[in-house]
Amino acid sequence: MSARLRKLVGLIVGLVGLVIYAFAAVLLGGWIGQFSHGLELAWYVLAGVLWVPPAGRLVRWMQALDPALTTFGRKPRRRRS
C-alpha cells in the first residue's frame, strides 16, 4: 500500500474510531455517573488517556516507510568513483 493511500485510510479509520470511542465513553460515563460522581470523574480521566496507545499505533502505521522505496533486506548500491 502506498504511503498516500495508507494516510488516507488511517485518517478515515482514525476519525470514525474516535467518534465511536467518544460516543461509547459518554454513554458509559453517564451510566457510571448514576452511582457516583467521583467514579464518573475517574472514568472520564481514564477514558481521556485510553485512546492514546491505539492512536499512536495508527499514526506509526500511517508513517511507516513504503517498502517499495526502501532498501530493507538488500545492500544499498555503492556509487563507483
C-alpha atoms as a PDB file:
ATOM      1  CA  MET A   1       0.000   0.000   0.000  1.00  0.00           C
ATOM      2  CA  SER A   2       1.395   3.376  -0.923  1.00  0.00           C
ATOM      3  CA  ALA A   3       2.118   5.935   1.767  1.00  0.00           C
ATOM      4  CA  ARG A   4      -0.529   8.271   0.395  1.00  0.00           C
ATOM      5  CA  LEU A   5      -3.252   5.610   0.491  1.00  0.00           C
ATOM      6  CA  ARG A   6      -2.116   4.452   3.942  1.00  0.00           C
ATOM      7  CA  LYS A   7      -2.504   8.009   5.268  1.00  0.00           C
ATOM      8  CA  LEU A   8      -5.974   8.361   3.747  1.00  0.00           C
ATOM      9  CA  VAL A   9      -7.115   5.027   5.214  1.00  0.00           C
ATOM     10  CA  GLY A  10      -5.586   5.958   8.572  1.00  0.00           C
ATOM     11  CA  LEU A  11      -7.370   9.307   8.579  1.00  0.00           C
ATOM     12  CA  ILE A  12     -10.754   7.732   7.870  1.00  0.00           C
ATOM     13  CA  VAL A  13     -10.270   4.898  10.379  1.00  0.00           C
ATOM     14  CA  GLY A  14      -8.998   7.362  12.993  1.00  0.00           C
ATOM     15  CA  LEU A  15     -11.912   9.765  12.637  1.00  0.00           C
ATOM     16  CA  VAL A  16     -14.577   7.051  12.616  1.00  0.00           C
ATOM     17  CA  GLY A  17     -12.901   5.270  15.524  1.00  0.00           C
ATOM     18  CA  LEU A  18     -12.634   8.462  17.554  1.00  0.00           C
ATOM     19  CA  VAL A  19     -16.323   9.278  17.066  1.00  0.00           C
ATOM     20  CA  ILE A  20     -17.347   5.750  18.099  1.00  0.00           C
ATOM     21  CA  TYR A  21     -14.960   5.826  21.090  1.00  0.00           C
ATOM     22  CA  ALA A  22     -16.229   9.232  22.266  1.00  0.00           C
ATOM     23  CA  PHE A  23     -19.856   8.127  21.934  1.00  0.00           C
ATOM     24  CA  ALA A  24     -19.188   4.924  23.923  1.00  0.00           C
ATOM     25  CA  ALA A  25     -17.204   6.826  26.576  1.00  0.00           C
ATOM     26  CA  VAL A  26     -20.029   9.330  27.096  1.00  0.00           C
ATOM     27  CA  LEU A  27     -22.660   6.586  27.281  1.00  0.00           C
ATOM     28  CA  LEU A  28     -20.632   4.620  29.792  1.00  0.00           C
ATOM     29  CA  GLY A  29     -19.800   7.790  31.730  1.00  0.00           C
ATOM     30  CA  GLY A  30     -23.480   8.663  32.031  1.00  0.00           C
ATOM     31  CA  TRP A  31     -24.243   5.180  33.313  1.00  0.00           C
ATOM     32  CA  ILE A  32     -21.374   5.305  35.829  1.00  0.00           C
ATOM     33  CA  GLY A  33     -22.492   8.801  36.899  1.00  0.00           C
ATOM     34  CA  GLN A  34     -25.709   7.349  38.296  1.00  0.00           C
ATOM     35  CA  PHE A  35     -23.701   5.652  41.038  1.00  0.00           C
ATOM     36  CA  SER A  36     -21.066   8.201  41.993  1.00  0.00           C
ATOM     37  CA  HIS A  37     -19.749  11.488  40.668  1.00  0.00           C
ATOM     38  CA  GLY A  38     -16.270  10.505  41.799  1.00  0.00           C
ATOM     39  CA  LEU A  39     -16.414   7.319  39.729  1.00  0.00           C
ATOM     40  CA  GLU A  40     -17.685   9.314  36.787  1.00  0.00           C
ATOM     41  CA  LEU A  41     -14.750  11.710  37.071  1.00  0.00           C
ATOM     42  CA  ALA A  42     -12.320   8.791  37.332  1.00  0.00           C
ATOM     43  CA  TRP A  43     -13.887   7.194  34.252  1.00  0.00           C
ATOM     44  CA  TYR A  44     -13.515  10.353  32.171  1.00  0.00           C
ATOM     45  CA  VAL A  45      -9.877  10.722  33.232  1.00  0.00           C
ATOM     46  CA  LEU A  46      -9.236   7.091  32.291  1.00  0.00           C
ATOM     47  CA  ALA A  47     -11.192   7.374  29.029  1.00  0.00           C
ATOM     48  CA  GLY A  48      -9.244  10.510  28.183  1.00  0.00           C
ATOM     49  CA  VAL A  49      -5.995   8.550  28.340  1.00  0.00           C
ATOM     50  CA  LEU A  50      -7.053   5.157  26.933  1.00  0.00           C
ATOM     51  CA  TRP A  51      -7.341   6.409  23.355  1.00  0.00           C
ATOM     52  CA  VAL A  52      -3.672   7.423  23.178  1.00  0.00           C
ATOM     53  CA  PRO A  53      -1.980   3.993  22.619  1.00  0.00           C
ATOM     54  CA  PRO A  54      -4.290   2.907  19.757  1.00  0.00           C
ATOM     55  CA  ALA A  55      -3.989   6.330  18.132  1.00  0.00           C
ATOM     56  CA  GLY A  56      -0.208   6.138  18.451  1.00  0.00           C
ATOM     57  CA  ARG A  57      -0.137   2.750  16.747  1.00  0.00           C
ATOM     58  CA  LEU A  58      -2.353   4.093  13.966  1.00  0.00           C
ATOM     59  CA  VAL A  59      -0.100   7.111  13.410  1.00  0.00           C
ATOM     60  CA  ARG A  60       3.004   4.882  13.464  1.00  0.00           C
ATOM     61  CA  TRP A  61       1.380   2.653  10.824  1.00  0.00           C
ATOM     62  CA  MET A  62       0.448   5.681   8.725  1.00  0.00           C
ATOM     63  CA  GLN A  63       4.030   6.994   8.843  1.00  0.00           C
ATOM     64  CA  ALA A  64       5.689   3.649   8.017  1.00  0.00           C
ATOM     65  CA  LEU A  65       8.057   3.694   5.085  1.00  0.00           C
ATOM     66  CA  ASP A  66       6.829   2.382   1.779  1.00  0.00           C
ATOM     67  CA  PRO A  67       8.641  -0.967   1.305  1.00  0.00           C
ATOM     68  CA  ALA A  68       8.946  -0.331  -2.436  1.00  0.00           C
ATOM     69  CA  LEU A  69      11.038   2.765  -1.748  1.00  0.00           C
ATOM     70  CA  THR A  70      13.434   1.289   0.823  1.00  0.00           C
ATOM     71  CA  THR A  71      16.472  -0.962   0.597  1.00  0.00           C
ATOM     72  CA  PHE A  72      15.486  -3.182   3.516  1.00  0.00           C
ATOM     73  CA  GLY A  73      16.731  -6.706   3.002  1.00  0.00           C
ATOM     74  CA  ARG A  74      19.209  -5.594   0.343  1.00  0.00           C
ATOM     75  CA  LYS A  75      22.585  -3.997   0.492  1.00  0.00           C
ATOM     76  CA  PRO A  76      22.495  -0.408  -0.728  1.00  0.00           C
ATOM     77  CA  ARG A  77      24.239   0.172  -4.027  1.00  0.00           C
ATOM     78  CA  ARG A  78      27.531   1.980  -3.849  1.00  0.00           C
ATOM     79  CA  ARG A  79      28.471   4.554  -6.397  1.00  0.00           C
ATOM     80  CA  ARG A  80      31.626   3.845  -8.297  1.00  0.00           C
ATOM     81  CA  SER A  81      34.089   6.693  -8.293  1.00  0.00           C
END
